[in-house]
PDB file of N, CA and C in Angstrom:
ATOM      1  N   MET A   1       4.241  26.851  -6.052  1.00  0.00           N
ATOM      2  CA  MET A   1       5.154  25.836  -5.571  1.00  0.00           C
ATOM      3  C   MET A   1       5.615  25.026  -6.776  1.00  0.00           C
ATOM      4  N   ASN A   2       6.929  24.785  -6.884  1.00  0.00           N
ATOM      5  CA  ASN A   2       7.410  24.010  -8.015  1.00  0.00           C
ATOM      6  C   ASN A   2       7.287  22.517  -7.743  1.00  0.00           C
ATOM      7  N   GLU A   3       7.539  21.711  -8.794  1.00  0.00           N
ATOM      8  CA  GLU A   3       7.335  20.256  -8.700  1.00  0.00           C
ATOM      9  C   GLU A   3       8.250  19.612  -7.660  1.00  0.00           C
ATOM     10  N   LYS A   4       9.485  20.096  -7.546  1.00  0.00           N
ATOM     11  CA  LYS A   4      10.416  19.519  -6.577  1.00  0.00           C
ATOM     12  C   LYS A   4       9.948  19.764  -5.140  1.00  0.00           C
ATOM     13  N   GLN A   5       9.458  20.964  -4.858  1.00  0.00           N
ATOM     14  CA  GLN A   5       8.939  21.262  -3.524  1.00  0.00           C
ATOM     15  C   GLN A   5       7.711  20.422  -3.233  1.00  0.00           C
ATOM     16  N   ASP A   6       6.832  20.264  -4.235  1.00  0.00           N
ATOM     17  CA  ASP A   6       5.632  19.461  -4.056  1.00  0.00           C
ATOM     18  C   ASP A   6       5.994  18.008  -3.754  1.00  0.00           C
ATOM     19  N   ALA A   7       6.982  17.452  -4.453  1.00  0.00           N
ATOM     20  CA  ALA A   7       7.397  16.059  -4.225  1.00  0.00           C
ATOM     21  C   ALA A   7       7.927  15.872  -2.808  1.00  0.00           C
ATOM     22  N   LYS A   8       8.611  16.875  -2.278  1.00  0.00           N
ATOM     23  CA  LYS A   8       9.134  16.771  -0.917  1.00  0.00           C
ATOM     24  C   LYS A   8       8.012  16.761   0.117  1.00  0.00           C
ATOM     25  N   LYS A   9       6.904  17.429  -0.169  1.00  0.00           N
ATOM     26  CA  LYS A   9       5.800  17.500   0.781  1.00  0.00           C
ATOM     27  C   LYS A   9       4.964  16.227   0.784  1.00  0.00           C
ATOM     28  N   ARG A  10       4.958  15.490  -0.308  1.00  0.00           N
ATOM     29  CA  ARG A  10       4.042  14.373  -0.468  1.00  0.00           C
ATOM     30  C   ARG A  10       4.242  13.221   0.507  1.00  0.00           C
ATOM     31  N   PRO A  11       5.453  12.830   0.911  1.00  0.00           N
ATOM     32  CA  PRO A  11       5.541  11.707   1.852  1.00  0.00           C
ATOM     33  C   PRO A  11       4.749  11.940   3.137  1.00  0.00           C
ATOM     34  N   GLY A  12       4.719  13.146   3.623  1.00  0.00           N
ATOM     35  CA  GLY A  12       3.932  13.453   4.809  1.00  0.00           C
ATOM     36  C   GLY A  12       2.442  13.343   4.544  1.00  0.00           C
ATOM     37  N   ARG A  13       2.059  13.558   3.303  1.00  0.00           N
ATOM     38  CA  ARG A  13       0.649  13.475   2.945  1.00  0.00           C
ATOM     39  C   ARG A  13       0.143  12.050   3.117  1.00  0.00           C
ATOM     40  N   LEU A  14       0.934  11.047   2.717  1.00  0.00           N
ATOM     41  CA  LEU A  14       0.511   9.670   2.906  1.00  0.00           C
ATOM     42  C   LEU A  14       0.377   9.370   4.388  1.00  0.00           C
ATOM     43  N   ARG A  15       1.334   9.831   5.178  1.00  0.00           N
ATOM     44  CA  ARG A  15       1.234   9.583   6.612  1.00  0.00           C
ATOM     45  C   ARG A  15      -0.036  10.191   7.184  1.00  0.00           C
ATOM     46  N   SER A  16      -0.420  11.382   6.704  1.00  0.00           N
ATOM     47  CA  SER A  16      -1.635  11.990   7.228  1.00  0.00           C
ATOM     48  C   SER A  16      -2.870  11.238   6.736  1.00  0.00           C
ATOM     49  N   LEU A  17      -2.851  10.726   5.505  1.00  0.00           N
ATOM     50  CA  LEU A  17      -3.959   9.908   5.031  1.00  0.00           C
ATOM     51  C   LEU A  17      -4.014   8.590   5.783  1.00  0.00           C
ATOM     52  N   TRP A  18      -2.826   8.063   6.124  1.00  0.00           N
ATOM     53  CA  TRP A  18      -2.710   6.766   6.789  1.00  0.00           C
ATOM     54  C   TRP A  18      -3.070   6.857   8.265  1.00  0.00           C
ATOM     55  N   ALA A  19      -2.904   8.011   8.873  1.00  0.00           N
ATOM     56  CA  ALA A  19      -3.134   8.170  10.309  1.00  0.00           C
ATOM     57  C   ALA A  19      -4.534   7.696  10.685  1.00  0.00           C
ATOM     58  N   GLY A  20      -4.588   6.818  11.652  1.00  0.00           N
ATOM     59  CA  GLY A  20      -5.859   6.330  12.143  1.00  0.00           C
ATOM     60  C   GLY A  20      -6.526   5.281  11.269  1.00  0.00           C
ATOM     61  N   ARG A  21      -5.847   4.791  10.234  1.00  0.00           N
ATOM     62  CA  ARG A  21      -6.450   3.820   9.325  1.00  0.00           C
ATOM     63  C   ARG A  21      -6.271   2.383   9.799  1.00  0.00           C
ATOM     64  N   ARG A  22      -5.385   2.156  10.756  1.00  0.00           N
ATOM     65  CA  ARG A  22      -5.145   0.805  11.262  1.00  0.00           C
ATOM     66  C   ARG A  22      -6.371   0.366  12.053  1.00  0.00           C
ATOM     67  N   PRO A  23      -6.905  -0.827  11.782  1.00  0.00           N
ATOM     68  CA  PRO A  23      -8.075  -1.277  12.539  1.00  0.00           C
ATOM     69  C   PRO A  23      -7.823  -1.214  14.036  1.00  0.00           C
ATOM     70  N   LYS A  24      -8.778  -0.675  14.769  1.00  0.00           N
ATOM     71  CA  LYS A  24      -8.602  -0.447  16.206  1.00  0.00           C
ATOM     72  C   LYS A  24      -8.511  -1.733  17.006  1.00  0.00           C
ATOM     73  N   ASP A  25      -9.144  -2.790  16.529  1.00  0.00           N
ATOM     74  CA  ASP A  25      -9.128  -4.022  17.293  1.00  0.00           C
ATOM     75  C   ASP A  25      -7.947  -4.925  16.949  1.00  0.00           C
ATOM     76  N   SER A  26      -7.056  -4.455  16.092  1.00  0.00           N
ATOM     77  CA  SER A  26      -5.903  -5.257  15.701  1.00  0.00           C
ATOM     78  C   SER A  26      -4.747  -5.006  16.653  1.00  0.00           C
ATOM     79  N   PRO A  27      -4.159  -6.057  17.190  1.00  0.00           N
ATOM     80  CA  PRO A  27      -2.983  -5.857  18.026  1.00  0.00           C
ATOM     81  C   PRO A  27      -1.813  -5.416  17.163  1.00  0.00           C
ATOM     82  N   ARG A  28      -1.059  -4.494  17.640  1.00  0.00           N
ATOM     83  CA  ARG A  28       0.122  -4.062  16.904  1.00  0.00           C
ATOM     84  C   ARG A  28       1.286  -4.909  17.398  1.00  0.00           C
ATOM     85  N   ALA A  29       1.777  -5.746  16.525  1.00  0.00           N
ATOM     86  CA  ALA A  29       2.854  -6.661  16.899  1.00  0.00           C
ATOM     87  C   ALA A  29       4.187  -5.946  16.857  1.00  0.00           C
ATOM     88  N   GLY A  30       5.081  -6.368  17.695  1.00  0.00           N
ATOM     89  CA  GLY A  30       6.430  -5.839  17.649  1.00  0.00           C
ATOM     90  C   GLY A  30       7.164  -6.441  16.477  1.00  0.00           C
ATOM     91  N   GLY A  31       7.801  -5.597  15.662  1.00  0.00           N
ATOM     92  CA  GLY A  31       8.536  -6.088  14.506  1.00  0.00           C
ATOM     93  C   GLY A  31       7.600  -6.707  13.489  1.00  0.00           C
ATOM     94  N   ASP A  32       8.111  -7.712  12.793  1.00  0.00           N
ATOM     95  CA  ASP A  32       7.328  -8.360  11.757  1.00  0.00           C
ATOM     96  C   ASP A  32       6.961  -9.779  12.136  1.00  0.00           C
ATOM     97  N   SER A  33       6.884 -10.094  13.415  1.00  0.00           N
ATOM     98  CA  SER A  33       6.644 -11.469  13.828  1.00  0.00           C
ATOM     99  C   SER A  33       5.218 -11.923  13.527  1.00  0.00           C
ATOM    100  N   ALA A  34       4.236 -11.047  13.576  1.00  0.00           N
ATOM    101  CA  ALA A  34       2.847 -11.428  13.332  1.00  0.00           C
ATOM    102  C   ALA A  34       2.474 -11.096  11.894  1.00  0.00           C
ATOM    103  N   LYS A  35       1.968 -12.090  11.186  1.00  0.00           N
ATOM    104  CA  LYS A  35       1.560 -11.887   9.798  1.00  0.00           C
ATOM    105  C   LYS A  35       0.110 -11.410   9.773  1.00  0.00           C
ATOM    106  N   VAL A  36      -0.133 -10.336   9.053  1.00  0.00           N
ATOM    107  CA  VAL A  36      -1.479  -9.797   8.873  1.00  0.00           C
ATOM    108  C   VAL A  36      -1.740  -9.638   7.379  1.00  0.00           C
ATOM    109  N   ARG A  37      -2.999  -9.522   7.032  1.00  0.00           N
ATOM    110  CA  ARG A  37      -3.381  -9.255   5.643  1.00  0.00           C
ATOM    111  C   ARG A  37      -4.272  -8.021   5.645  1.00  0.00           C
ATOM    112  N   MET A  38      -3.936  -7.090   4.780  1.00  0.00           N
ATOM    113  CA  MET A  38      -4.683  -5.840   4.687  1.00  0.00           C
ATOM    114  C   MET A  38      -5.198  -5.655   3.268  1.00  0.00           C
ATOM    115  N   ARG A  39      -6.393  -5.062   3.164  1.00  0.00           N
ATOM    116  CA  ARG A  39      -6.931  -4.647   1.861  1.00  0.00           C
ATOM    117  C   ARG A  39      -6.992  -3.134   1.854  1.00  0.00           C
ATOM    118  N   TYR A  40      -6.430  -2.546   0.802  1.00  0.00           N
ATOM    119  CA  TYR A  40      -6.416  -1.097   0.625  1.00  0.00           C
ATOM    120  C   TYR A  40      -7.090  -0.759  -0.691  1.00  0.00           C
ATOM    121  N   VAL A  41      -7.829   0.337  -0.706  1.00  0.00           N
ATOM    122  CA  VAL A  41      -8.356   0.904  -1.934  1.00  0.00           C
ATOM    123  C   VAL A  41      -7.831   2.333  -2.003  1.00  0.00           C
ATOM    124  N   PHE A  42      -7.064   2.614  -3.053  1.00  0.00           N
ATOM    125  CA  PHE A  42      -6.436   3.916  -3.248  1.00  0.00           C
ATOM    126  C   PHE A  42      -7.189   4.673  -4.333  1.00  0.00           C
ATOM    127  N   THR A  43      -7.460   5.953  -4.089  1.00  0.00           N
ATOM    128  CA  THR A  43      -8.050   6.814  -5.108  1.00  0.00           C
ATOM    129  C   THR A  43      -7.138   8.015  -5.310  1.00  0.00           C
ATOM    130  N   GLY A  44      -7.317   8.663  -6.437  1.00  0.00           N
ATOM    131  CA  GLY A  44      -6.480   9.791  -6.819  1.00  0.00           C
ATOM    132  C   GLY A  44      -5.914   9.512  -8.203  1.00  0.00           C
ATOM    133  N   CYS A  45      -4.733   9.998  -8.458  1.00  0.00           N
ATOM    134  CA  CYS A  45      -4.033   9.715  -9.715  1.00  0.00           C
ATOM    135  C   CYS A  45      -3.207   8.453  -9.478  1.00  0.00           C
ATOM    136  N   VAL A  46      -3.880   7.296  -9.590  1.00  0.00           N
ATOM    137  CA  VAL A  46      -3.258   6.027  -9.225  1.00  0.00           C
ATOM    138  C   VAL A  46      -3.235   5.015 -10.367  1.00  0.00           C
ATOM    139  N   GLN A  47      -3.839   5.345 -11.506  1.00  0.00           N
ATOM    140  CA  GLN A  47      -3.784   4.454 -12.667  1.00  0.00           C
ATOM    141  C   GLN A  47      -2.999   5.131 -13.774  1.00  0.00           C
ATOM    142  N   GLY A  48      -2.222   4.326 -14.512  1.00  0.00           N
ATOM    143  CA  GLY A  48      -1.423   4.856 -15.615  1.00  0.00           C
ATOM    144  C   GLY A  48      -0.169   5.573 -15.154  1.00  0.00           C
ATOM    145  N   VAL A  49       0.221   5.372 -13.894  1.00  0.00           N
ATOM    146  CA  VAL A  49       1.388   6.069 -13.342  1.00  0.00           C
ATOM    147  C   VAL A  49       2.405   5.103 -12.724  1.00  0.00           C
ATOM    148  N   GLY A  50       2.259   3.811 -12.983  1.00  0.00           N
ATOM    149  CA  GLY A  50       3.204   2.826 -12.463  1.00  0.00           C
ATOM    150  C   GLY A  50       2.901   2.325 -11.067  1.00  0.00           C
ATOM    151  N   PHE A  51       1.699   2.554 -10.572  1.00  0.00           N
ATOM    152  CA  PHE A  51       1.343   2.156  -9.207  1.00  0.00           C
ATOM    153  C   PHE A  51       1.501   0.650  -9.014  1.00  0.00           C
ATOM    154  N   ARG A  52       0.918  -0.139  -9.915  1.00  0.00           N
ATOM    155  CA  ARG A  52       0.949  -1.596  -9.744  1.00  0.00           C
ATOM    156  C   ARG A  52       2.377  -2.143  -9.799  1.00  0.00           C
ATOM    157  N   TYR A  53       3.177  -1.607 -10.702  1.00  0.00           N
ATOM    158  CA  TYR A  53       4.560  -2.086 -10.822  1.00  0.00           C
ATOM    159  C   TYR A  53       5.393  -1.682  -9.620  1.00  0.00           C
ATOM    160  N   ARG A  54       5.162  -0.496  -9.115  1.00  0.00           N
ATOM    161  CA  ARG A  54       5.862  -0.062  -7.903  1.00  0.00           C
ATOM    162  C   ARG A  54       5.447  -0.935  -6.719  1.00  0.00           C
ATOM    163  N   ALA A  55       4.150  -1.236  -6.609  1.00  0.00           N
ATOM    164  CA  ALA A  55       3.666  -2.115  -5.535  1.00  0.00           C
ATOM    165  C   ALA A  55       4.290  -3.505  -5.659  1.00  0.00           C
ATOM    166  N   TYR A  56       4.343  -4.023  -6.872  1.00  0.00           N
ATOM    167  CA  TYR A  56       4.912  -5.348  -7.119  1.00  0.00           C
ATOM    168  C   TYR A  56       6.378  -5.411  -6.679  1.00  0.00           C
ATOM    169  N   HIS A  57       7.158  -4.450  -7.101  1.00  0.00           N
ATOM    170  CA  HIS A  57       8.587  -4.454  -6.754  1.00  0.00           C
ATOM    171  C   HIS A  57       8.806  -4.189  -5.262  1.00  0.00           C
ATOM    172  N   ALA A  58       8.008  -3.314  -4.673  1.00  0.00           N
ATOM    173  CA  ALA A  58       8.124  -3.051  -3.233  1.00  0.00           C
ATOM    174  C   ALA A  58       7.792  -4.311  -2.440  1.00  0.00           C
ATOM    175  N   ALA A  59       6.702  -4.986  -2.796  1.00  0.00           N
ATOM    176  CA  ALA A  59       6.298  -6.199  -2.083  1.00  0.00           C
ATOM    177  C   ALA A  59       7.371  -7.277  -2.189  1.00  0.00           C
ATOM    178  N   ASN A  60       7.896  -7.469  -3.382  1.00  0.00           N
ATOM    179  CA  ASN A  60       8.921  -8.500  -3.554  1.00  0.00           C
ATOM    180  C   ASN A  60      10.206  -8.161  -2.808  1.00  0.00           C
ATOM    181  N   SER A  61      10.571  -6.904  -2.763  1.00  0.00           N
ATOM    182  CA  SER A  61      11.797  -6.525  -2.048  1.00  0.00           C
ATOM    183  C   SER A  61      11.649  -6.692  -0.536  1.00  0.00           C
ATOM    184  N   LEU A  62      10.402  -6.663  -0.041  1.00  0.00           N
ATOM    185  CA  LEU A  62      10.142  -6.774   1.396  1.00  0.00           C
ATOM    186  C   LEU A  62       9.635  -8.154   1.814  1.00  0.00           C
ATOM    187  N   GLY A  63       9.515  -9.070   0.859  1.00  0.00           N
ATOM    188  CA  GLY A  63       9.062 -10.417   1.176  1.00  0.00           C
ATOM    189  C   GLY A  63       7.574 -10.514   1.489  1.00  0.00           C
ATOM    190  N   LEU A  64       6.768  -9.631   0.915  1.00  0.00           N
ATOM    191  CA  LEU A  64       5.323  -9.627   1.143  1.00  0.00           C
ATOM    192  C   LEU A  64       4.606 -10.408   0.052  1.00  0.00           C
ATOM    193  N   THR A  65       3.403 -10.876   0.351  1.00  0.00           N
ATOM    194  CA  THR A  65       2.592 -11.574  -0.637  1.00  0.00           C
ATOM    195  C   THR A  65       1.286 -10.826  -0.829  1.00  0.00           C
ATOM    196  N   GLY A  66       0.564 -11.162  -1.905  1.00  0.00           N
ATOM    197  CA  GLY A  66      -0.723 -10.538  -2.172  1.00  0.00           C
ATOM    198  C   GLY A  66      -0.907 -10.236  -3.633  1.00  0.00           C
ATOM    199  N   TRP A  67      -1.670  -9.184  -3.919  1.00  0.00           N
ATOM    200  CA  TRP A  67      -1.943  -8.790  -5.296  1.00  0.00           C
ATOM    201  C   TRP A  67      -2.359  -7.324  -5.343  1.00  0.00           C
ATOM    202  N   VAL A  68      -2.304  -6.766  -6.560  1.00  0.00           N
ATOM    203  CA  VAL A  68      -2.727  -5.393  -6.810  1.00  0.00           C
ATOM    204  C   VAL A  68      -3.439  -5.375  -8.158  1.00  0.00           C
ATOM    205  N   ARG A  69      -4.513  -4.575  -8.283  1.00  0.00           N
ATOM    206  CA  ARG A  69      -5.211  -4.488  -9.571  1.00  0.00           C
ATOM    207  C   ARG A  69      -5.872  -3.123  -9.734  1.00  0.00           C
ATOM    208  N   ASN A  70      -6.002  -2.706 -10.989  1.00  0.00           N
ATOM    209  CA  ASN A  70      -6.760  -1.516 -11.347  1.00  0.00           C
ATOM    210  C   ASN A  70      -8.243  -1.858 -11.323  1.00  0.00           C
ATOM    211  N   GLU A  71      -9.057  -0.913 -10.886  1.00  0.00           N
ATOM    212  CA  GLU A  71     -10.509  -1.090 -10.881  1.00  0.00           C
ATOM    213  C   GLU A  71     -11.131  -0.199 -11.955  1.00  0.00           C
ATOM    214  N   PHE A  72     -12.334  -0.547 -12.382  1.00  0.00           N
ATOM    215  CA  PHE A  72     -13.006   0.206 -13.441  1.00  0.00           C
ATOM    216  C   PHE A  72     -13.326   1.638 -13.049  1.00  0.00           C
ATOM    217  N   ASP A  73     -13.455   1.912 -11.750  1.00  0.00           N
ATOM    218  CA  ASP A  73     -13.792   3.267 -11.302  1.00  0.00           C
ATOM    219  C   ASP A  73     -12.578   4.184 -11.186  1.00  0.00           C
ATOM    220  N   GLY A  74     -11.394   3.700 -11.583  1.00  0.00           N
ATOM    221  CA  GLY A  74     -10.185   4.519 -11.531  1.00  0.00           C
ATOM    222  C   GLY A  74      -9.363   4.324 -10.273  1.00  0.00           C
ATOM    223  N   SER A  75      -9.864   3.544  -9.324  1.00  0.00           N
ATOM    224  CA  SER A  75      -9.116   3.270  -8.094  1.00  0.00           C
ATOM    225  C   SER A  75      -8.186   2.080  -8.307  1.00  0.00           C
ATOM    226  N   VAL A  76      -7.359   1.805  -7.313  1.00  0.00           N
ATOM    227  CA  VAL A  76      -6.490   0.631  -7.302  1.00  0.00           C
ATOM    228  C   VAL A  76      -6.741  -0.106  -5.997  1.00  0.00           C
ATOM    229  N   THR A  77      -6.951  -1.424  -6.089  1.00  0.00           N
ATOM    230  CA  THR A  77      -7.115  -2.264  -4.908  1.00  0.00           C
ATOM    231  C   THR A  77      -5.839  -3.057  -4.698  1.00  0.00           C
ATOM    232  N   LEU A  78      -5.419  -3.128  -3.441  1.00  0.00           N
ATOM    233  CA  LEU A  78      -4.193  -3.824  -3.060  1.00  0.00           C
ATOM    234  C   LEU A  78      -4.507  -4.708  -1.866  1.00  0.00           C
ATOM    235  N   GLU A  79      -4.192  -5.985  -1.963  1.00  0.00           N
ATOM    236  CA  GLU A  79      -4.215  -6.874  -0.800  1.00  0.00           C
ATOM    237  C   GLU A  79      -2.783  -7.295  -0.559  1.00  0.00           C
ATOM    238  N   VAL A  80      -2.333  -7.129   0.676  1.00  0.00           N
ATOM    239  CA  VAL A  80      -0.946  -7.434   1.002  1.00  0.00           C
ATOM    240  C   VAL A  80      -0.900  -8.156   2.339  1.00  0.00           C
ATOM    241  N   GLN A  81       0.035  -9.092   2.422  1.00  0.00           N
ATOM    242  CA  GLN A  81       0.156  -9.931   3.609  1.00  0.00           C
ATOM    243  C   GLN A  81       1.606  -9.988   4.052  1.00  0.00           C
ATOM    244  N   GLY A  82       1.818  -9.831   5.350  1.00  0.00           N
ATOM    245  CA  GLY A  82       3.157  -9.886   5.931  1.00  0.00           C
ATOM    246  C   GLY A  82       3.168  -9.167   7.256  1.00  0.00           C
ATOM    247  N   GLY A  83       4.341  -8.773   7.688  1.00  0.00           N
ATOM    248  CA  GLY A  83       4.468  -8.038   8.936  1.00  0.00           C
ATOM    249  C   GLY A  83       4.037  -6.592   8.779  1.00  0.00           C
ATOM    250  N   ARG A  84       3.506  -6.022   9.852  1.00  0.00           N
ATOM    251  CA  ARG A  84       2.998  -4.638   9.790  1.00  0.00           C
ATOM    252  C   ARG A  84       4.057  -3.623   9.375  1.00  0.00           C
ATOM    253  N   SER A  85       5.248  -3.745   9.922  1.00  0.00           N
ATOM    254  CA  SER A  85       6.259  -2.740   9.569  1.00  0.00           C
ATOM    255  C   SER A  85       6.677  -2.876   8.105  1.00  0.00           C
ATOM    256  N   SER A  86       6.672  -4.092   7.562  1.00  0.00           N
ATOM    257  CA  SER A  86       6.980  -4.278   6.143  1.00  0.00           C
ATOM    258  C   SER A  86       5.867  -3.709   5.269  1.00  0.00           C
ATOM    259  N   ILE A  87       4.626  -3.890   5.691  1.00  0.00           N
ATOM    260  CA  ILE A  87       3.505  -3.327   4.942  1.00  0.00           C
ATOM    261  C   ILE A  87       3.579  -1.798   4.966  1.00  0.00           C
ATOM    262  N   ASP A  88       3.886  -1.228   6.115  1.00  0.00           N
ATOM    263  CA  ASP A  88       4.042   0.229   6.207  1.00  0.00           C
ATOM    264  C   ASP A  88       5.173   0.711   5.302  1.00  0.00           C
ATOM    265  N   ALA A  89       6.275  -0.040   5.268  1.00  0.00           N
ATOM    266  CA  ALA A  89       7.402   0.321   4.393  1.00  0.00           C
ATOM    267  C   ALA A  89       6.980   0.256   2.926  1.00  0.00           C
ATOM    268  N   MET A  90       6.193  -0.749   2.577  1.00  0.00           N
ATOM    269  CA  MET A  90       5.706  -0.872   1.203  1.00  0.00           C
ATOM    270  C   MET A  90       4.871   0.340   0.809  1.00  0.00           C
ATOM    271  N   LEU A  91       3.961   0.752   1.695  1.00  0.00           N
ATOM    272  CA  LEU A  91       3.131   1.927   1.409  1.00  0.00           C
ATOM    273  C   LEU A  91       3.994   3.167   1.177  1.00  0.00           C
ATOM    274  N   GLY A  92       5.028   3.315   1.973  1.00  0.00           N
ATOM    275  CA  GLY A  92       5.936   4.441   1.786  1.00  0.00           C
ATOM    276  C   GLY A  92       6.656   4.382   0.452  1.00  0.00           C
ATOM    277  N   MET A  93       7.054   3.186   0.034  1.00  0.00           N
ATOM    278  CA  MET A  93       7.743   3.026  -1.252  1.00  0.00           C
ATOM    279  C   MET A  93       6.804   3.350  -2.418  1.00  0.00           C
ATOM    280  N   ILE A  94       5.541   2.961  -2.304  1.00  0.00           N
ATOM    281  CA  ILE A  94       4.573   3.257  -3.359  1.00  0.00           C
ATOM    282  C   ILE A  94       4.368   4.765  -3.458  1.00  0.00           C
ATOM    283  N   GLU A  95       4.186   5.406  -2.339  1.00  0.00           N
ATOM    284  CA  GLU A  95       3.869   6.831  -2.311  1.00  0.00           C
ATOM    285  C   GLU A  95       5.059   7.684  -2.727  1.00  0.00           C
ATOM    286  N   ASN A  96       6.251   7.144  -2.669  1.00  0.00           N
ATOM    287  CA  ASN A  96       7.457   7.919  -2.957  1.00  0.00           C
ATOM    288  C   ASN A  96       7.678   8.166  -4.451  1.00  0.00           C
ATOM    289  N   SER A  97       6.721   7.844  -5.290  1.00  0.00           N
ATOM    290  CA  SER A  97       6.816   8.098  -6.725  1.00  0.00           C
ATOM    291  C   SER A  97       6.424   9.545  -7.021  1.00  0.00           C
ATOM    292  N   PRO A  98       7.133  10.193  -7.939  1.00  0.00           N
ATOM    293  CA  PRO A  98       6.745  11.556  -8.292  1.00  0.00           C
ATOM    294  C   PRO A  98       5.458  11.599  -9.126  1.00  0.00           C
ATOM    295  N   TYR A  99       4.981  10.452  -9.608  1.00  0.00           N
ATOM    296  CA  TYR A  99       3.804  10.416 -10.477  1.00  0.00           C
ATOM    297  C   TYR A  99       2.529   9.992  -9.764  1.00  0.00           C
ATOM    298  N   ILE A 100       2.655   9.206  -8.719  1.00  0.00           N
ATOM    299  CA  ILE A 100       1.486   8.702  -7.999  1.00  0.00           C
ATOM    300  C   ILE A 100       0.993   9.775  -7.033  1.00  0.00           C
ATOM    301  N   GLU A 101      -0.301  10.096  -7.129  1.00  0.00           N
ATOM    302  CA  GLU A 101      -0.910  11.072  -6.217  1.00  0.00           C
ATOM    303  C   GLU A 101      -2.105  10.424  -5.535  1.00  0.00           C
ATOM    304  N   ILE A 102      -1.928  10.026  -4.293  1.00  0.00           N
ATOM    305  CA  ILE A 102      -2.980   9.355  -3.536  1.00  0.00           C
ATOM    306  C   ILE A 102      -3.815  10.404  -2.821  1.00  0.00           C
ATOM    307  N   ASP A 103      -5.119  10.415  -3.129  1.00  0.00           N
ATOM    308  CA  ASP A 103      -6.038  11.346  -2.468  1.00  0.00           C
ATOM    309  C   ASP A 103      -6.691  10.728  -1.248  1.00  0.00           C
ATOM    310  N   ASP A 104      -6.954   9.422  -1.309  1.00  0.00           N
ATOM    311  CA  ASP A 104      -7.628   8.769  -0.189  1.00  0.00           C
ATOM    312  C   ASP A 104      -7.235   7.301  -0.149  1.00  0.00           C
ATOM    313  N   ILE A 105      -7.214   6.739   1.051  1.00  0.00           N
ATOM    314  CA  ILE A 105      -6.939   5.324   1.262  1.00  0.00           C
ATOM    315  C   ILE A 105      -8.023   4.774   2.177  1.00  0.00           C
ATOM    316  N   ARG A 106      -8.691   3.730   1.716  1.00  0.00           N
ATOM    317  CA  ARG A 106      -9.603   2.979   2.579  1.00  0.00           C
ATOM    318  C   ARG A 106      -8.908   1.667   2.896  1.00  0.00           C
ATOM    319  N   SER A 107      -8.937   1.258   4.142  1.00  0.00           N
ATOM    320  CA  SER A 107      -8.225   0.035   4.517  1.00  0.00           C
ATOM    321  C   SER A 107      -9.026  -0.769   5.521  1.00  0.00           C
ATOM    322  N   ARG A 108      -8.752  -2.065   5.507  1.00  0.00           N
ATOM    323  CA  ARG A 108      -9.317  -2.944   6.524  1.00  0.00           C
ATOM    324  C   ARG A 108      -8.470  -4.194   6.594  1.00  0.00           C
ATOM    325  N   GLU A 109      -8.429  -4.764   7.772  1.00  0.00           N
ATOM    326  CA  GLU A 109      -7.722  -6.020   7.959  1.00  0.00           C
ATOM    327  C   GLU A 109      -8.653  -7.149   7.561  1.00  0.00           C
ATOM    328  N   ILE A 110      -8.117  -8.127   6.832  1.00  0.00           N
ATOM    329  CA  ILE A 110      -8.890  -9.281   6.392  1.00  0.00           C
ATOM    330  C   ILE A 110      -8.137 -10.543   6.797  1.00  0.00           C
ATOM    331  N   PRO A 111      -8.799 -11.703   6.746  1.00  0.00           N
ATOM    332  CA  PRO A 111      -8.119 -12.941   7.156  1.00  0.00           C
ATOM    333  C   PRO A 111      -6.906 -13.243   6.275  1.00  0.00           C
ATOM    334  N   ALA A 112      -5.852 -13.724   6.902  1.00  0.00           N
ATOM    335  CA  ALA A 112      -4.631 -14.090   6.182  1.00  0.00           C
ATOM    336  C   ALA A 112      -4.885 -15.311   5.305  1.00  0.00           C
ATOM    337  N   ASP A 113      -4.106 -15.419   4.231  1.00  0.00           N
ATOM    338  CA  ASP A 113      -4.171 -16.556   3.321  1.00  0.00           C
ATOM    339  C   ASP A 113      -2.887 -17.364   3.505  1.00  0.00           C
ATOM    340  N   PRO A 114      -2.932 -18.437   4.295  1.00  0.00           N
ATOM    341  CA  PRO A 114      -1.713 -19.186   4.591  1.00  0.00           C
ATOM    342  C   PRO A 114      -1.109 -19.876   3.372  1.00  0.00           C
ATOM    343  N   GLY A 115      -1.870 -20.070   2.307  1.00  0.00           N
ATOM    344  CA  GLY A 115      -1.351 -20.732   1.116  1.00  0.00           C
ATOM    345  C   GLY A 115      -0.731 -19.801   0.095  1.00  0.00           C
ATOM    346  N   GLU A 116      -0.740 -18.522   0.377  1.00  0.00           N
ATOM    347  CA  GLU A 116      -0.206 -17.548  -0.587  1.00  0.00           C
ATOM    348  C   GLU A 116       1.294 -17.406  -0.420  1.00  0.00           C
ATOM    349  N   HIS A 117       2.038 -17.443  -1.543  1.00  0.00           N
ATOM    350  CA  HIS A 117       3.497 -17.397  -1.471  1.00  0.00           C
ATOM    351  C   HIS A 117       4.141 -16.386  -2.399  1.00  0.00           C
ATOM    352  N   ALA A 118       3.357 -15.535  -3.036  1.00  0.00           N
ATOM    353  CA  ALA A 118       3.918 -14.570  -3.994  1.00  0.00           C
ATOM    354  C   ALA A 118       3.056 -13.325  -4.026  1.00  0.00           C
ATOM    355  N   PHE A 119       3.568 -12.300  -4.690  1.00  0.00           N
ATOM    356  CA  PHE A 119       2.809 -11.074  -4.936  1.00  0.00           C
ATOM    357  C   PHE A 119       2.609 -10.973  -6.435  1.00  0.00           C
ATOM    358  N   GLU A 120       1.377 -10.653  -6.862  1.00  0.00           N
ATOM    359  CA  GLU A 120       1.047 -10.628  -8.285  1.00  0.00           C
ATOM    360  C   GLU A 120       0.368  -9.331  -8.675  1.00  0.00           C
ATOM    361  N   ILE A 121       0.508  -9.001  -9.942  1.00  0.00           N
ATOM    362  CA  ILE A 121      -0.295  -7.935 -10.549  1.00  0.00           C
ATOM    363  C   ILE A 121      -1.487  -8.643 -11.179  1.00  0.00           C
ATOM    364  N   ALA A 122      -2.672  -8.394 -10.644  1.00  0.00           N
ATOM    365  CA  ALA A 122      -3.890  -9.049 -11.121  1.00  0.00           C
ATOM    366  C   ALA A 122      -4.474  -8.254 -12.284  1.00  0.00           C
ATOM    367  N   ASN A 123      -5.197  -8.933 -13.134  1.00  0.00           N
ATOM    368  CA  ASN A 123      -5.832  -8.261 -14.285  1.00  0.00           C
ATOM    369  C   ASN A 123      -7.249  -7.865 -13.964  1.00  0.00           C
TER     370      ASN A 123
END
């Protein structure tokens, strides 16, 4: 399979990794009216490929807040806050890179931070 064919297959791969990752006890709000905060840990080829910068630009374009950082074990941790559909759109924008290869996503809903007003790349 060539690189172009592989890139076309990858968006579905994120959806399959994402399937069933939404906390079961979380109500799914219609639209973006309910603000939630999610923590994600991504593994795979996620460092040195522009993951944090793509997350930063995606979050800012969608009006989301939070942070993203590289971890010592090679994973990337992302905390993001906003509407569910915007968060889902952000994940799609991150995965749509030809360089980022996500092998696994661990996620959980965490308490929202009402004082947070920006998205940052953490060190």
